[in-house]
Amino acid sequence: MNKKSKNENREKLTVLIDKDIKLKMKKEVLDLNCSMGEFIEKLYTDYKSKEK
């Protein structure tokens, strides 16, 4: 595993604990029927789209 992907994964985990999306995350955990990986990807994508 190279440094870029390690940093990317670390960034994804940071997104998971971001206070702004905690409530949304709790709701989506109940609504979503998918693997944790897919869930993290979705959160990360949502976060990135808000960042721009």
PDB file of N, CA and C in Angstrom:
ATOM      1  N   MET A   1       0.833  -1.192   0.000  1.00  0.00           N
ATOM      2  CA  MET A   1       0.000   0.000   0.000  1.00  0.00           C
ATOM      3  C   MET A   1       0.878   1.257   0.000  1.00  0.00           C
ATOM      4  N   ASN A   2       0.642   2.134  -0.943  1.00  0.00           N
ATOM      5  CA  ASN A   2       1.472   3.336  -0.998  1.00  0.00           C
ATOM      6  C   ASN A   2       0.936   4.435  -0.080  1.00  0.00           C
ATOM      7  N   LYS A   3       1.735   5.474   0.098  1.00  0.00           N
ATOM      8  CA  LYS A   3       1.374   6.541   1.033  1.00  0.00           C
ATOM      9  C   LYS A   3       0.105   7.271   0.619  1.00  0.00           C
ATOM     10  N   LYS A   4      -0.093   7.445  -0.685  1.00  0.00           N
ATOM     11  CA  LYS A   4      -1.277   8.169  -1.141  1.00  0.00           C
ATOM     12  C   LYS A   4      -2.558   7.479  -0.672  1.00  0.00           C
ATOM     13  N   SER A   5      -2.640   6.175  -0.861  1.00  0.00           N
ATOM     14  CA  SER A   5      -3.867   5.492  -0.463  1.00  0.00           C
ATOM     15  C   SER A   5      -4.013   5.436   1.056  1.00  0.00           C
ATOM     16  N   LYS A   6      -2.890   5.364   1.774  1.00  0.00           N
ATOM     17  CA  LYS A   6      -2.974   5.420   3.240  1.00  0.00           C
ATOM     18  C   LYS A   6      -3.534   6.763   3.683  1.00  0.00           C
ATOM     19  N   ASN A   7      -3.056   7.834   3.079  1.00  0.00           N
ATOM     20  CA  ASN A   7      -3.552   9.168   3.419  1.00  0.00           C
ATOM     21  C   ASN A   7      -5.019   9.321   3.049  1.00  0.00           C
ATOM     22  N   GLU A   8      -5.399   8.728   1.909  1.00  0.00           N
ATOM     23  CA  GLU A   8      -6.782   8.786   1.468  1.00  0.00           C
ATOM     24  C   GLU A   8      -7.683   8.078   2.475  1.00  0.00           C
ATOM     25  N   ASN A   9      -7.250   6.910   2.928  1.00  0.00           N
ATOM     26  CA  ASN A   9      -8.029   6.160   3.913  1.00  0.00           C
ATOM     27  C   ASN A   9      -8.132   6.922   5.222  1.00  0.00           C
ATOM     28  N   ARG A  10      -7.036   7.550   5.617  1.00  0.00           N
ATOM     29  CA  ARG A  10      -7.047   8.354   6.844  1.00  0.00           C
ATOM     30  C   ARG A  10      -8.035   9.507   6.695  1.00  0.00           C
ATOM     31  N   GLU A  11      -8.043  10.120   5.522  1.00  0.00           N
ATOM     32  CA  GLU A  11      -8.965  11.223   5.267  1.00  0.00           C
ATOM     33  C   GLU A  11     -10.411  10.729   5.320  1.00  0.00           C
ATOM     34  N   LYS A  12     -10.651   9.539   4.780  1.00  0.00           N
ATOM     35  CA  LYS A  12     -12.002   8.975   4.817  1.00  0.00           C
ATOM     36  C   LYS A  12     -12.452   8.725   6.246  1.00  0.00           C
ATOM     37  N   LEU A  13     -11.553   8.246   7.093  1.00  0.00           N
ATOM     38  CA  LEU A  13     -11.899   8.017   8.498  1.00  0.00           C
ATOM     39  C   LEU A  13     -12.157   9.334   9.217  1.00  0.00           C
ATOM     40  N   THR A  14     -11.411  10.377   8.848  1.00  0.00           N
ATOM     41  CA  THR A  14     -11.636  11.703   9.421  1.00  0.00           C
ATOM     42  C   THR A  14     -13.041  12.193   9.083  1.00  0.00           C
ATOM     43  N   VAL A  15     -13.463  11.923   7.850  1.00  0.00           N
ATOM     44  CA  VAL A  15     -14.812  12.299   7.428  1.00  0.00           C
ATOM     45  C   VAL A  15     -15.857  11.620   8.311  1.00  0.00           C
ATOM     46  N   LEU A  16     -15.598  10.358   8.644  1.00  0.00           N
ATOM     47  CA  LEU A  16     -16.559   9.617   9.472  1.00  0.00           C
ATOM     48  C   LEU A  16     -16.829  10.286  10.809  1.00  0.00           C
ATOM     49  N   ILE A  17     -15.816  10.936  11.380  1.00  0.00           N
ATOM     50  CA  ILE A  17     -16.010  11.542  12.697  1.00  0.00           C
ATOM     51  C   ILE A  17     -16.252  13.049  12.627  1.00  0.00           C
ATOM     52  N   ASP A  18     -16.441  13.560  11.413  1.00  0.00           N
ATOM     53  CA  ASP A  18     -16.728  14.977  11.234  1.00  0.00           C
ATOM     54  C   ASP A  18     -18.060  15.323  11.907  1.00  0.00           C
ATOM     55  N   LYS A  19     -18.046  16.304  12.799  1.00  0.00           N
ATOM     56  CA  LYS A  19     -19.241  16.639  13.584  1.00  0.00           C
ATOM     57  C   LYS A  19     -20.430  17.062  12.727  1.00  0.00           C
ATOM     58  N   ASP A  20     -20.155  17.744  11.613  1.00  0.00           N
ATOM     59  CA  ASP A  20     -21.238  18.242  10.766  1.00  0.00           C
ATOM     60  C   ASP A  20     -22.097  17.134  10.180  1.00  0.00           C
ATOM     61  N   ILE A  21     -21.509  15.948   9.996  1.00  0.00           N
ATOM     62  CA  ILE A  21     -22.283  14.894   9.344  1.00  0.00           C
ATOM     63  C   ILE A  21     -22.656  13.762  10.284  1.00  0.00           C
ATOM     64  N   LYS A  22     -22.378  13.931  11.582  1.00  0.00           N
ATOM     65  CA  LYS A  22     -22.691  12.856  12.537  1.00  0.00           C
ATOM     66  C   LYS A  22     -24.171  12.489  12.552  1.00  0.00           C
ATOM     67  N   LEU A  23     -25.049  13.488  12.608  1.00  0.00           N
ATOM     68  CA  LEU A  23     -26.483  13.203  12.641  1.00  0.00           C
ATOM     69  C   LEU A  23     -26.941  12.540  11.353  1.00  0.00           C
ATOM     70  N   LYS A  24     -26.472  13.067  10.240  1.00  0.00           N
ATOM     71  CA  LYS A  24     -26.811  12.494   8.941  1.00  0.00           C
ATOM     72  C   LYS A  24     -26.321  11.054   8.869  1.00  0.00           C
ATOM     73  N   MET A  25     -25.116  10.827   9.389  1.00  0.00           N
ATOM     74  CA  MET A  25     -24.520   9.507   9.378  1.00  0.00           C
ATOM     75  C   MET A  25     -25.386   8.520  10.158  1.00  0.00           C
ATOM     76  N   LYS A  26     -25.829   8.926  11.352  1.00  0.00           N
ATOM     77  CA  LYS A  26     -26.667   8.046  12.169  1.00  0.00           C
ATOM     78  C   LYS A  26     -27.930   7.652  11.420  1.00  0.00           C
ATOM     79  N   LYS A  27     -28.543   8.623  10.755  1.00  0.00           N
ATOM     80  CA  LYS A  27     -29.754   8.348   9.987  1.00  0.00           C
ATOM     81  C   LYS A  27     -29.444   7.377   8.846  1.00  0.00           C
ATOM     82  N   GLU A  28     -28.355   7.619   8.139  1.00  0.00           N
ATOM     83  CA  GLU A  28     -28.011   6.783   6.996  1.00  0.00           C
ATOM     84  C   GLU A  28     -27.610   5.375   7.398  1.00  0.00           C
ATOM     85  N   VAL A  29     -27.031   5.221   8.578  1.00  0.00           N
ATOM     86  CA  VAL A  29     -26.687   3.877   9.045  1.00  0.00           C
ATOM     87  C   VAL A  29     -27.955   3.040   9.138  1.00  0.00           C
ATOM     88  N   LEU A  30     -29.038   3.667   9.592  1.00  0.00           N
ATOM     89  CA  LEU A  30     -30.310   2.960   9.690  1.00  0.00           C
ATOM     90  C   LEU A  30     -30.919   2.707   8.313  1.00  0.00           C
ATOM     91  N   ASP A  31     -30.780   3.669   7.409  1.00  0.00           N
ATOM     92  CA  ASP A  31     -31.406   3.567   6.090  1.00  0.00           C
ATOM     93  C   ASP A  31     -30.635   2.673   5.128  1.00  0.00           C
ATOM     94  N   LEU A  32     -29.324   2.658   5.288  1.00  0.00           N
ATOM     95  CA  LEU A  32     -28.475   1.992   4.307  1.00  0.00           C
ATOM     96  C   LEU A  32     -28.329   0.506   4.589  1.00  0.00           C
ATOM     97  N   ASN A  33     -28.467  -0.287   3.538  1.00  0.00           N
ATOM     98  CA  ASN A  33     -28.241  -1.720   3.679  1.00  0.00           C
ATOM     99  C   ASN A  33     -27.085  -2.082   2.754  1.00  0.00           C
ATOM    100  N   CYS A  34     -25.878  -1.753   3.171  1.00  0.00           N
ATOM    101  CA  CYS A  34     -24.703  -2.004   2.347  1.00  0.00           C
ATOM    102  C   CYS A  34     -23.495  -2.253   3.242  1.00  0.00           C
ATOM    103  N   SER A  35     -22.393  -2.583   2.624  1.00  0.00           N
ATOM    104  CA  SER A  35     -21.180  -2.853   3.394  1.00  0.00           C
ATOM    105  C   SER A  35     -20.595  -1.562   3.950  1.00  0.00           C
ATOM    106  N   MET A  36     -19.766  -1.684   4.973  1.00  0.00           N
ATOM    107  CA  MET A  36     -19.135  -0.519   5.590  1.00  0.00           C
ATOM    108  C   MET A  36     -18.284   0.235   4.573  1.00  0.00           C
ATOM    109  N   GLY A  37     -17.613  -0.498   3.698  1.00  0.00           N
ATOM    110  CA  GLY A  37     -16.789   0.137   2.669  1.00  0.00           C
ATOM    111  C   GLY A  37     -17.602   1.052   1.773  1.00  0.00           C
ATOM    112  N   GLU A  38     -18.754   0.553   1.327  1.00  0.00           N
ATOM    113  CA  GLU A  38     -19.632   1.360   0.478  1.00  0.00           C
ATOM    114  C   GLU A  38     -20.126   2.585   1.237  1.00  0.00           C
ATOM    115  N   PHE A  39     -20.437   2.387   2.513  1.00  0.00           N
ATOM    116  CA  PHE A  39     -20.921   3.482   3.347  1.00  0.00           C
ATOM    117  C   PHE A  39     -19.865   4.573   3.495  1.00  0.00           C
ATOM    118  N   ILE A  40     -18.629   4.156   3.750  1.00  0.00           N
ATOM    119  CA  ILE A  40     -17.527   5.115   3.882  1.00  0.00           C
ATOM    120  C   ILE A  40     -17.321   5.865   2.566  1.00  0.00           C
ATOM    121  N   GLU A  41     -17.363   5.140   1.453  1.00  0.00           N
ATOM    122  CA  GLU A  41     -17.222   5.779   0.139  1.00  0.00           C
ATOM    123  C   GLU A  41     -18.303   6.841  -0.064  1.00  0.00           C
ATOM    124  N   LYS A  42     -19.536   6.507   0.296  1.00  0.00           N
ATOM    125  CA  LYS A  42     -20.650   7.442   0.106  1.00  0.00           C
ATOM    126  C   LYS A  42     -20.455   8.694   0.959  1.00  0.00           C
ATOM    127  N   LEU A  43     -20.097   8.496   2.223  1.00  0.00           N
ATOM    128  CA  LEU A  43     -19.852   9.639   3.104  1.00  0.00           C
ATOM    129  C   LEU A  43     -18.736  10.516   2.568  1.00  0.00           C
ATOM    130  N   TYR A  44     -17.684   9.873   2.106  1.00  0.00           N
ATOM    131  CA  TYR A  44     -16.528  10.590   1.579  1.00  0.00           C
ATOM    132  C   TYR A  44     -16.918  11.411   0.356  1.00  0.00           C
ATOM    133  N   THR A  45     -17.725  10.812  -0.512  1.00  0.00           N
ATOM    134  CA  THR A  45     -18.185  11.508  -1.713  1.00  0.00           C
ATOM    135  C   THR A  45     -19.054  12.707  -1.341  1.00  0.00           C
ATOM    136  N   ASP A  46     -19.974  12.508  -0.391  1.00  0.00           N
ATOM    137  CA  ASP A  46     -20.824  13.612   0.077  1.00  0.00           C
ATOM    138  C   ASP A  46     -19.976  14.749   0.630  1.00  0.00           C
ATOM    139  N   TYR A  47     -18.999  14.394   1.441  1.00  0.00           N
ATOM    140  CA  TYR A  47     -18.113  15.374   2.063  1.00  0.00           C
ATOM    141  C   TYR A  47     -17.333  16.155   1.013  1.00  0.00           C
ATOM    142  N   LYS A  48     -16.781  15.447   0.037  1.00  0.00           N
ATOM    143  CA  LYS A  48     -15.995  16.092  -1.014  1.00  0.00           C
ATOM    144  C   LYS A  48     -16.852  17.041  -1.840  1.00  0.00           C
ATOM    145  N   SER A  49     -18.099  16.665  -2.120  1.00  0.00           N
ATOM    146  CA  SER A  49     -18.961  17.517  -2.932  1.00  0.00           C
ATOM    147  C   SER A  49     -19.342  18.794  -2.175  1.00  0.00           C
ATOM    148  N   LYS A  50     -19.441  18.729  -0.847  1.00  0.00           N
ATOM    149  CA  LYS A  50     -19.735  19.923  -0.042  1.00  0.00           C
ATOM    150  C   LYS A  50     -18.527  20.841   0.061  1.00  0.00           C
ATOM    151  N   GLU A  51     -17.348  20.249   0.010  1.00  0.00           N
ATOM    152  CA  GLU A  51     -16.101  20.984   0.181  1.00  0.00           C
ATOM    153  C   GLU A  51     -15.864  21.991  -0.947  1.00  0.00           C
ATOM    154  N   LYS A  52     -16.358  21.692  -2.156  1.00  0.00           N
ATOM    155  CA  LYS A  52     -16.074  22.524  -3.337  1.00  0.00           C
ATOM    156  C   LYS A  52     -16.852  23.829  -3.345  1.00  0.00           C
TER     157      LYS A  52
END
